[in-house]
Structure formats: C-alpha cells, structure tokens
Amino acid sequence: MSNLTILNTSIRVLNDLYSLNDLHAISGNNPKHRPNQFIRLETTKDLINEIETENLNAQICAIKTLRGTTGGSYACKELVIAYAAWISPAFHLVVLRAFLNQIEPQQPAFPSLELTYSQSFSQTDINHLVWLLFSHEKMRFLLENLYKPLALLDSPFAPKVYGCVTEYKRIYKTAKPLIKKLLDSLQRDNPEQWRHLTRYLNNEI
C-alpha cells in the first residue's frame, strides 16, 4: 500500500488502515469533527457493519482504536472517505483526490526523440528567472497555510487552493533544476551574484 499524503502531511497507516486522527488534525482540528464523534453515528456503524459483512471471509477489519499517546482511530479507505465527507464537502474532495492520485496508472514510457532548442540568457534574464521562482514558492507557502483555515470554514475556495498548492509544488520541482543550471553559469564570471541568487533559489532568505 502506498502512503497517503495530504498537503505534505503523511497519514499514518496501521495494517492497511489510515489514521483518522491525522485527518482530523489536517482538516483544522475542530472538536466537533473528532473521530469518536463520527464513529458514534448510526450511519457510521451501519457502514462498518456493511464493510465487515461483505468481507467476512477475508476477515477485514474496518476500524481499530488504539490507546496511548501514539494511538487513535484507524479506518479503512471507505471509512476515511466517509469521514472526510462528514467533515465538509471541501475536505471530502481533498481526501478523495489524494486517494485517486494513489491509483492513477503509470503511463508506459515509449522512447522518443525530443526536440531541443538553444537559447542565450543574459545575467539579467537569469536574475529575473530566479526571482520568479522565489516568488512562486512564497505564494505556494502562503496558499498552503491558507488551506486549513479555509477548510475549517467549509469555504468553496478550499479545494481550489489545495489544487493550486499541488500544481505549484509540481512546477517548482520541475523548474528549479533548470534554473539552477542557468544560474551555475554565473559562478565563474560573477561569484558574488551567483552566491546571492543561489540563496534565493534555495529559499534561504
């Protein structure tokens, strides 16, 4: 089973069951959304019974509760999705997308000749590109910190913000090595400027 990650937070897994307490914390830690409140619902009890009855031969455990500081409630995927839907539509969408990302099939890689292009960049061009990526990462960080309050308010913007954070992270991961390659060409000609821009590229400012 691959790990479930939501907003850079890895959800703990125990015997193929996911931590509802971790999801509660990510959703905003609202007391009314504690896992034990969800588990007490008659609809939840019916769902647990249906899951375990359907998988009786496989002896599937739909939910397990552990005591202690590292304990908590652990639930199967179906219950996790139901728990997220109970918290809010926005959080339901976030968790559902996280599970869908786990099972997306990998596209087969076919060898192909990719077109390449050559282009000259001035020192000013490189400077602008570094600043662009630096600003891009600051915006991602801001949106990531806005997500939890928006989700707590059941804001319709919460899933959109989550989508932006995911996409910004992907673009940053792709663009940083390319810009670093351009920036390294300054090291010999202008080492002071290279050190200065490298700090911004690595978000050390």
C-alpha atoms as a PDB file:
ATOM      1  CA  MET A   1       0.000   0.000   0.000  1.00  0.00           C
ATOM      2  CA  SER A   2       1.383   3.396  -0.974  1.00  0.00           C
ATOM      3  CA  ASN A   3       1.417   6.180   1.592  1.00  0.00           C
ATOM      4  CA  LEU A   4      -1.431   8.665   1.697  1.00  0.00           C
ATOM      5  CA  THR A   5      -0.140  12.239   1.745  1.00  0.00           C
ATOM      6  CA  ILE A   6      -2.311  15.327   2.128  1.00  0.00           C
ATOM      7  CA  LEU A   7      -0.756  18.809   1.976  1.00  0.00           C
ATOM      8  CA  ASN A   8       2.714  17.414   2.592  1.00  0.00           C
ATOM      9  CA  THR A   9       1.455  15.513   5.652  1.00  0.00           C
ATOM     10  CA  SER A  10       1.877  11.744   5.608  1.00  0.00           C
ATOM     11  CA  ILE A  11      -1.072   9.888   7.118  1.00  0.00           C
ATOM     12  CA  ARG A  12      -0.093   7.093   9.498  1.00  0.00           C
ATOM     13  CA  VAL A  13      -1.039   3.586   8.380  1.00  0.00           C
ATOM     14  CA  LEU A  14      -1.644   0.516  10.550  1.00  0.00           C
ATOM     15  CA  ASN A  15      -2.440  -2.834   8.894  1.00  0.00           C
ATOM     16  CA  ASP A  16      -3.885  -1.117   5.803  1.00  0.00           C
ATOM     17  CA  LEU A  17      -5.928   1.256   7.990  1.00  0.00           C
ATOM     18  CA  TYR A  18      -5.431   5.039   7.931  1.00  0.00           C
ATOM     19  CA  SER A  19      -5.280   7.330  10.960  1.00  0.00           C
ATOM     20  CA  LEU A  20      -8.495   9.321  11.364  1.00  0.00           C
ATOM     21  CA  ASN A  21      -6.739  11.444  13.993  1.00  0.00           C
ATOM     22  CA  ASP A  22      -4.203  12.603  11.402  1.00  0.00           C
ATOM     23  CA  LEU A  23      -7.031  13.565   9.052  1.00  0.00           C
ATOM     24  CA  HIS A  24      -8.783  15.394  11.881  1.00  0.00           C
ATOM     25  CA  ALA A  25      -5.637  17.455  12.522  1.00  0.00           C
ATOM     26  CA  ILE A  26      -5.228  18.285   8.827  1.00  0.00           C
ATOM     27  CA  SER A  27      -8.884  19.306   8.486  1.00  0.00           C
ATOM     28  CA  GLY A  28      -8.482  22.009  11.130  1.00  0.00           C
ATOM     29  CA  ASN A  29      -8.780  20.142  14.470  1.00  0.00           C
ATOM     30  CA  ASN A  30     -12.374  21.234  15.064  1.00  0.00           C
ATOM     31  CA  PRO A  31     -13.594  19.476  18.269  1.00  0.00           C
ATOM     32  CA  LYS A  32     -16.963  18.665  16.704  1.00  0.00           C
ATOM     33  CA  HIS A  33     -15.168  16.674  13.999  1.00  0.00           C
ATOM     34  CA  ARG A  34     -13.243  14.354  16.320  1.00  0.00           C
ATOM     35  CA  PRO A  35     -13.109  10.756  15.059  1.00  0.00           C
ATOM     36  CA  ASN A  36     -15.009   9.438  18.091  1.00  0.00           C
ATOM     37  CA  GLN A  37     -17.956  11.690  17.183  1.00  0.00           C
ATOM     38  CA  PHE A  38     -18.007  10.203  13.690  1.00  0.00           C
ATOM     39  CA  ILE A  39     -17.713   6.613  14.936  1.00  0.00           C
ATOM     40  CA  ARG A  40     -20.742   7.049  17.231  1.00  0.00           C
ATOM     41  CA  LEU A  41     -23.059   7.905  14.330  1.00  0.00           C
ATOM     42  CA  GLU A  42     -25.615   5.240  13.415  1.00  0.00           C
ATOM     43  CA  THR A  43     -24.788   5.727   9.737  1.00  0.00           C
ATOM     44  CA  THR A  44     -21.125   5.045  10.504  1.00  0.00           C
ATOM     45  CA  LYS A  45     -21.991   1.908  12.473  1.00  0.00           C
ATOM     46  CA  ASP A  46     -24.131   0.707   9.560  1.00  0.00           C
ATOM     47  CA  LEU A  47     -21.285   1.359   7.125  1.00  0.00           C
ATOM     48  CA  ILE A  48     -18.788  -0.521   9.317  1.00  0.00           C
ATOM     49  CA  ASN A  49     -21.185  -3.457   9.553  1.00  0.00           C
ATOM     50  CA  GLU A  50     -21.696  -3.493   5.781  1.00  0.00           C
ATOM     51  CA  ILE A  51     -17.955  -3.410   5.051  1.00  0.00           C
ATOM     52  CA  GLU A  52     -17.125  -6.171   7.514  1.00  0.00           C
ATOM     53  CA  THR A  53     -20.089  -8.345   6.457  1.00  0.00           C
ATOM     54  CA  GLU A  54     -19.189  -8.011   2.785  1.00  0.00           C
ATOM     55  CA  ASN A  55     -15.626  -9.103   3.540  1.00  0.00           C
ATOM     56  CA  LEU A  56     -16.459 -11.712   6.159  1.00  0.00           C
ATOM     57  CA  ASN A  57     -14.366 -14.462   4.559  1.00  0.00           C
ATOM     58  CA  ALA A  58     -11.357 -12.168   4.273  1.00  0.00           C
ATOM     59  CA  GLN A  59     -11.802 -11.101   7.924  1.00  0.00           C
ATOM     60  CA  ILE A  60     -11.471  -7.441   7.013  1.00  0.00           C
ATOM     61  CA  CYS A  61     -11.285  -5.029   9.959  1.00  0.00           C
ATOM     62  CA  ALA A  62     -12.939  -1.742   9.021  1.00  0.00           C
ATOM     63  CA  ILE A  63     -11.799   0.220  12.060  1.00  0.00           C
ATOM     64  CA  LYS A  64      -9.440  -0.186  15.002  1.00  0.00           C
ATOM     65  CA  THR A  65      -8.887   2.062  18.016  1.00  0.00           C
ATOM     66  CA  LEU A  66      -5.623   2.062  19.970  1.00  0.00           C
ATOM     67  CA  ARG A  67      -4.963   3.667  23.337  1.00  0.00           C
ATOM     68  CA  GLY A  68      -1.934   5.695  24.330  1.00  0.00           C
ATOM     69  CA  THR A  69      -0.191   8.825  23.109  1.00  0.00           C
ATOM     70  CA  THR A  70       0.576   7.311  19.699  1.00  0.00           C
ATOM     71  CA  GLY A  71      -2.791   5.592  19.399  1.00  0.00           C
ATOM     72  CA  GLY A  72      -6.063   6.790  17.948  1.00  0.00           C
ATOM     73  CA  SER A  73      -8.616   5.518  15.461  1.00  0.00           C
ATOM     74  CA  TYR A  74      -7.523   3.804  12.253  1.00  0.00           C
ATOM     75  CA  ALA A  75     -10.029   3.110   9.478  1.00  0.00           C
ATOM     76  CA  CYS A  76     -10.238   1.512   6.056  1.00  0.00           C
ATOM     77  CA  LYS A  77     -10.279   3.618   2.894  1.00  0.00           C
ATOM     78  CA  GLU A  78     -14.084   3.600   2.583  1.00  0.00           C
ATOM     79  CA  LEU A  79     -14.485   4.907   6.130  1.00  0.00           C
ATOM     80  CA  VAL A  80     -11.774   7.519   5.628  1.00  0.00           C
ATOM     81  CA  ILE A  81     -13.625   8.904   2.609  1.00  0.00           C
ATOM     82  CA  ALA A  82     -16.925   8.846   4.538  1.00  0.00           C
ATOM     83  CA  TYR A  83     -15.241  10.631   7.463  1.00  0.00           C
ATOM     84  CA  ALA A  84     -13.901  13.340   5.156  1.00  0.00           C
ATOM     85  CA  ALA A  85     -17.377  13.802   3.619  1.00  0.00           C
ATOM     86  CA  TRP A  86     -18.848  14.135   7.118  1.00  0.00           C
ATOM     87  CA  ILE A  87     -16.372  16.912   7.955  1.00  0.00           C
ATOM     88  CA  SER A  88     -17.078  19.027   4.866  1.00  0.00           C
ATOM     89  CA  PRO A  89     -17.553  18.811   1.091  1.00  0.00           C
ATOM     90  CA  ALA A  90     -14.252  20.653   0.596  1.00  0.00           C
ATOM     91  CA  PHE A  91     -12.276  18.208   2.737  1.00  0.00           C
ATOM     92  CA  HIS A  92     -14.101  15.281   1.124  1.00  0.00           C
ATOM     93  CA  LEU A  93     -12.837  16.455  -2.258  1.00  0.00           C
ATOM     94  CA  VAL A  94      -9.274  16.842  -0.973  1.00  0.00           C
ATOM     95  CA  VAL A  95      -9.148  13.325   0.502  1.00  0.00           C
ATOM     96  CA  LEU A  96     -10.870  11.763  -2.494  1.00  0.00           C
ATOM     97  CA  ARG A  97      -8.320  13.327  -4.839  1.00  0.00           C
ATOM     98  CA  ALA A  98      -5.481  12.096  -2.632  1.00  0.00           C
ATOM     99  CA  PHE A  99      -6.745   8.518  -2.974  1.00  0.00           C
ATOM    100  CA  LEU A 100      -7.279   8.920  -6.717  1.00  0.00           C
ATOM    101  CA  ASN A 101      -3.689  10.119  -7.077  1.00  0.00           C
ATOM    102  CA  GLN A 102      -2.566   6.876  -5.419  1.00  0.00           C
ATOM    103  CA  ILE A 103      -4.192   4.666  -8.037  1.00  0.00           C
ATOM    104  CA  GLU A 104      -3.521   6.662 -11.208  1.00  0.00           C
ATOM    105  CA  PRO A 105      -1.939   4.211 -13.658  1.00  0.00           C
ATOM    106  CA  GLN A 106       1.575   4.957 -14.756  1.00  0.00           C
ATOM    107  CA  GLN A 107       1.775   5.662 -18.461  1.00  0.00           C
ATOM    108  CA  PRO A 108       4.161   3.358 -20.320  1.00  0.00           C
ATOM    109  CA  ALA A 109       7.324   5.103 -21.385  1.00  0.00           C
ATOM    110  CA  PHE A 110       7.967   4.969 -25.099  1.00  0.00           C
ATOM    111  CA  PRO A 111      11.367   6.009 -26.404  1.00  0.00           C
ATOM    112  CA  SER A 112      11.133   9.147 -28.474  1.00  0.00           C
ATOM    113  CA  LEU A 113      13.402  11.841 -29.747  1.00  0.00           C
ATOM    114  CA  GLU A 114      12.614  15.088 -28.012  1.00  0.00           C
ATOM    115  CA  LEU A 115      13.219  18.329 -29.860  1.00  0.00           C
ATOM    116  CA  THR A 116      15.862  20.525 -28.243  1.00  0.00           C
ATOM    117  CA  TYR A 117      16.426  24.262 -28.557  1.00  0.00           C
ATOM    118  CA  SER A 118      19.362  26.515 -27.757  1.00  0.00           C
ATOM    119  CA  GLN A 119      18.929  29.966 -26.292  1.00  0.00           C
ATOM    120  CA  SER A 120      21.229  32.572 -24.783  1.00  0.00           C
ATOM    121  CA  PHE A 121      20.392  34.153 -21.427  1.00  0.00           C
ATOM    122  CA  SER A 122      21.815  37.365 -20.049  1.00  0.00           C
ATOM    123  CA  GLN A 123      22.663  37.842 -16.387  1.00  0.00           C
ATOM    124  CA  THR A 124      19.519  39.963 -16.061  1.00  0.00           C
ATOM    125  CA  ASP A 125      17.420  37.166 -17.580  1.00  0.00           C
ATOM    126  CA  ILE A 126      18.783  34.666 -15.072  1.00  0.00           C
ATOM    127  CA  ASN A 127      18.202  37.108 -12.231  1.00  0.00           C
ATOM    128  CA  HIS A 128      14.549  37.510 -13.275  1.00  0.00           C
ATOM    129  CA  LEU A 129      14.028  33.755 -13.513  1.00  0.00           C
ATOM    130  CA  VAL A 130      15.424  33.202 -10.012  1.00  0.00           C
ATOM    131  CA  TRP A 131      13.172  35.908  -8.594  1.00  0.00           C
ATOM    132  CA  LEU A 132      10.186  34.446 -10.430  1.00  0.00           C
ATOM    133  CA  LEU A 133      10.722  31.002  -8.914  1.00  0.00           C
ATOM    134  CA  PHE A 134      11.412  32.502  -5.479  1.00  0.00           C
ATOM    135  CA  SER A 135       8.109  34.441  -5.613  1.00  0.00           C
ATOM    136  CA  HIS A 136       6.350  31.337  -6.905  1.00  0.00           C
ATOM    137  CA  GLU A 137       7.482  29.291  -3.892  1.00  0.00           C
ATOM    138  CA  LYS A 138       6.489  32.059  -1.456  1.00  0.00           C
ATOM    139  CA  MET A 139       2.997  32.080  -2.975  1.00  0.00           C
ATOM    140  CA  ARG A 140       2.762  28.279  -2.648  1.00  0.00           C
ATOM    141  CA  PHE A 141       3.755  28.518   1.016  1.00  0.00           C
ATOM    142  CA  LEU A 142       1.101  31.200   1.617  1.00  0.00           C
ATOM    143  CA  LEU A 143      -1.652  29.169  -0.063  1.00  0.00           C
ATOM    144  CA  GLU A 144      -0.642  26.037   1.839  1.00  0.00           C
ATOM    145  CA  ASN A 145      -1.072  27.895   5.127  1.00  0.00           C
ATOM    146  CA  LEU A 146      -4.420  29.318   3.994  1.00  0.00           C
ATOM    147  CA  TYR A 147      -5.880  25.913   3.166  1.00  0.00           C
ATOM    148  CA  LYS A 148      -6.582  24.673   6.713  1.00  0.00           C
ATOM    149  CA  PRO A 149      -8.459  27.832   7.843  1.00  0.00           C
ATOM    150  CA  LEU A 150     -10.495  27.776   4.619  1.00  0.00           C
ATOM    151  CA  ALA A 151     -11.321  24.091   5.063  1.00  0.00           C
ATOM    152  CA  LEU A 152     -12.327  24.750   8.673  1.00  0.00           C
ATOM    153  CA  LEU A 153     -14.776  27.386   7.405  1.00  0.00           C
ATOM    154  CA  ASP A 154     -16.102  24.986   4.725  1.00  0.00           C
ATOM    155  CA  SER A 155     -15.085  27.591   2.164  1.00  0.00           C
ATOM    156  CA  PRO A 156     -15.665  26.685  -1.503  1.00  0.00           C
ATOM    157  CA  PHE A 157     -12.181  28.075  -2.146  1.00  0.00           C
ATOM    158  CA  ALA A 158     -10.509  25.341  -0.049  1.00  0.00           C
ATOM    159  CA  PRO A 159     -10.335  22.661  -2.792  1.00  0.00           C
ATOM    160  CA  LYS A 160      -9.214  25.274  -5.324  1.00  0.00           C
ATOM    161  CA  VAL A 161      -6.421  26.400  -3.006  1.00  0.00           C
ATOM    162  CA  TYR A 162      -5.404  22.772  -2.453  1.00  0.00           C
ATOM    163  CA  GLY A 163      -5.273  22.250  -6.221  1.00  0.00           C
ATOM    164  CA  CYS A 164      -3.072  25.332  -6.646  1.00  0.00           C
ATOM    165  CA  VAL A 165      -0.695  24.155  -3.908  1.00  0.00           C
ATOM    166  CA  THR A 166      -0.328  20.755  -5.575  1.00  0.00           C
ATOM    167  CA  GLU A 167       0.298  22.274  -9.001  1.00  0.00           C
ATOM    168  CA  TYR A 168       2.721  24.923  -7.682  1.00  0.00           C
ATOM    169  CA  LYS A 169       4.715  22.208  -5.944  1.00  0.00           C
ATOM    170  CA  ARG A 170       4.936  20.161  -9.148  1.00  0.00           C
ATOM    171  CA  ILE A 171       6.058  23.143 -11.231  1.00  0.00           C
ATOM    172  CA  TYR A 172       8.656  24.202  -8.636  1.00  0.00           C
ATOM    173  CA  LYS A 173      10.135  20.700  -8.568  1.00  0.00           C
ATOM    174  CA  THR A 174      10.448  20.743 -12.370  1.00  0.00           C
ATOM    175  CA  ALA A 175      11.684  24.310 -12.814  1.00  0.00           C
ATOM    176  CA  LYS A 176      14.274  24.546 -10.028  1.00  0.00           C
ATOM    177  CA  PRO A 177      16.910  22.221 -11.613  1.00  0.00           C
ATOM    178  CA  LEU A 178      16.571  24.048 -14.944  1.00  0.00           C
ATOM    179  CA  ILE A 179      17.061  27.474 -13.396  1.00  0.00           C
ATOM    180  CA  LYS A 180      19.917  26.174 -11.248  1.00  0.00           C
ATOM    181  CA  LYS A 181      21.662  25.001 -14.406  1.00  0.00           C
ATOM    182  CA  LEU A 182      21.426  28.523 -15.831  1.00  0.00           C
ATOM    183  CA  LEU A 183      22.470  30.081 -12.532  1.00  0.00           C
ATOM    184  CA  ASP A 184      25.588  27.913 -12.243  1.00  0.00           C
ATOM    185  CA  SER A 185      26.926  29.513 -15.416  1.00  0.00           C
ATOM    186  CA  LEU A 186      27.377  32.723 -13.376  1.00  0.00           C
ATOM    187  CA  GLN A 187      29.636  31.104 -10.791  1.00  0.00           C
ATOM    188  CA  ARG A 188      32.850  31.730 -12.695  1.00  0.00           C
ATOM    189  CA  ASP A 189      32.044  35.184 -14.111  1.00  0.00           C
ATOM    190  CA  ASN A 190      30.253  36.684 -11.129  1.00  0.00           C
ATOM    191  CA  PRO A 191      30.671  34.525  -7.997  1.00  0.00           C
ATOM    192  CA  GLU A 192      29.209  37.141  -5.658  1.00  0.00           C
ATOM    193  CA  GLN A 193      25.999  37.425  -7.685  1.00  0.00           C
ATOM    194  CA  TRP A 194      25.892  33.636  -8.011  1.00  0.00           C
ATOM    195  CA  ARG A 195      26.031  33.197  -4.208  1.00  0.00           C
ATOM    196  CA  HIS A 196      23.364  35.857  -3.733  1.00  0.00           C
ATOM    197  CA  LEU A 197      20.927  34.332  -6.231  1.00  0.00           C
ATOM    198  CA  THR A 198      21.612  30.784  -5.034  1.00  0.00           C
ATOM    199  CA  ARG A 199      20.368  31.758  -1.585  1.00  0.00           C
ATOM    200  CA  TYR A 200      17.114  32.977  -3.126  1.00  0.00           C
ATOM    201  CA  LEU A 201      16.801  29.878  -5.283  1.00  0.00           C
ATOM    202  CA  ASN A 202      17.167  27.687  -2.178  1.00  0.00           C
ATOM    203  CA  ASN A 203      14.775  29.900  -0.158  1.00  0.00           C
ATOM    204  CA  GLU A 204      17.477  30.769   2.369  1.00  0.00           C
ATOM    205  CA  ILE A 205      16.461  34.430   2.516  1.00  0.00           C
END
